[in-house]
Amino acid sequence: MTKVGTDVLGGCIPQYTVKHETWMGAFLPLSAQRKEKPAADPWILTGAQLAPGFSPLDSTPANRTYFLSLFPAYRDLIIRLTPPS
């Protein structure tokens, strides 16, 4: 798993290139998910630059059931990163 962020000394990298035909997902580390105050909602902002440009015809939506059948050892991670099928 790759940690993207500004804490380079803590093992993060500032950016990451995802190779063609590779799924990607993001979530906050557990330390950031703990709410210090009820109004402090944790959030994450991700972005993707595509070259060549994005076409919906070239995209396949995530399918939790399919991924679970292929990678049962990653069940917890797949459930965390995919919508219900």
Protein backbone atom coordinates (compact mmCIF):
# COMPACT_ATOMS: atom_id res chain seq x y z
CA MET A 1 0.00 0.00 0.00
CA THR A 2 1.26 3.48 -0.83
CA LYS A 3 0.98 6.40 1.58
CA VAL A 4 0.59 9.70 -0.24
CA GLY A 5 1.06 12.85 1.80
CA THR A 6 3.44 15.54 2.96
CA ASP A 7 5.14 13.55 5.75
CA VAL A 8 8.05 12.39 3.62
CA LEU A 9 10.16 11.52 6.68
CA GLY A 10 7.26 9.42 7.96
CA GLY A 11 7.14 7.28 4.82
CA CYS A 12 4.77 9.30 2.62
CA ILE A 13 5.36 10.29 -0.98
CA PRO A 14 3.96 13.55 -2.42
CA GLN A 15 2.40 11.93 -5.49
CA TYR A 16 1.98 8.53 -7.08
CA THR A 17 1.45 7.31 -10.63
CA VAL A 18 -1.14 4.56 -11.02
CA LYS A 19 -0.40 2.35 -13.99
CA HIS A 20 -2.88 1.68 -16.78
CA GLU A 21 -5.61 -0.86 -15.92
CA THR A 22 -4.92 -0.63 -12.18
CA TRP A 23 -7.63 0.11 -9.61
CA MET A 24 -7.02 2.85 -7.08
CA GLY A 25 -8.74 3.91 -3.91
CA ALA A 26 -8.12 6.17 -0.93
CA PHE A 27 -9.06 6.36 2.72
CA LEU A 28 -7.97 8.28 5.78
CA PRO A 29 -5.54 6.61 8.17
CA LEU A 30 -7.20 5.42 11.38
CA SER A 31 -5.54 8.20 13.38
CA ALA A 32 -7.31 10.81 11.23
CA GLN A 33 -10.67 9.05 11.48
CA ARG A 34 -10.89 9.50 15.24
CA LYS A 35 -12.97 12.57 15.92
CA GLU A 36 -11.53 14.96 18.48
CA LYS A 37 -14.71 17.05 18.43
CA PRO A 38 -18.17 16.01 17.19
CA ALA A 39 -18.11 18.75 14.52
CA ALA A 40 -14.66 17.76 13.20
CA ASP A 41 -15.52 15.52 10.25
CA PRO A 42 -12.44 13.93 8.69
CA TRP A 43 -12.17 14.27 4.92
CA ILE A 44 -9.87 13.45 2.06
CA LEU A 45 -9.44 15.12 -1.30
CA THR A 46 -8.00 13.14 -4.17
CA GLY A 47 -7.38 14.05 -7.77
CA ALA A 48 -6.44 12.28 -10.93
CA GLN A 49 -4.88 13.61 -14.08
CA LEU A 50 -5.44 11.40 -17.08
CA ALA A 51 -3.50 11.16 -20.30
CA PRO A 52 -4.96 10.67 -22.78
CA GLY A 53 -8.22 12.19 -21.58
CA PHE A 54 -10.89 10.20 -19.73
CA SER A 55 -13.61 8.41 -21.65
CA PRO A 56 -16.46 6.65 -19.81
CA LEU A 57 -16.30 3.94 -22.49
CA ASP A 58 -12.84 2.99 -21.19
CA SER A 59 -13.94 2.85 -17.54
CA THR A 60 -15.31 -0.04 -15.51
CA PRO A 61 -17.03 0.69 -12.20
CA ALA A 62 -15.84 -1.19 -9.13
CA ASN A 63 -17.75 -4.37 -8.34
CA ARG A 64 -17.32 -5.53 -4.75
CA THR A 65 -18.62 -9.06 -5.34
CA TYR A 66 -16.27 -9.60 -8.29
CA PHE A 67 -13.22 -8.29 -6.41
CA LEU A 68 -14.05 -10.43 -3.36
CA SER A 69 -14.20 -13.53 -5.55
CA LEU A 70 -10.77 -12.73 -7.05
CA PHE A 71 -9.00 -11.52 -3.90
CA PRO A 72 -10.60 -13.05 -0.77
CA ALA A 73 -7.48 -12.33 1.29
CA TYR A 74 -8.14 -8.59 0.85
CA ARG A 75 -11.79 -8.76 1.97
CA ASP A 76 -11.58 -5.98 4.61
CA LEU A 77 -9.79 -3.60 2.26
CA ILE A 78 -12.16 -4.32 -0.65
CA ILE A 79 -15.20 -3.69 1.55
CA ARG A 80 -13.66 -0.45 2.79
CA LEU A 81 -12.93 0.85 -0.73
CA THR A 82 -15.94 -0.29 -2.80
CA PRO A 83 -19.65 0.48 -2.78
CA PRO A 84 -22.03 -2.40 -2.06
CA SER A 85 -22.69 -4.48 -5.21
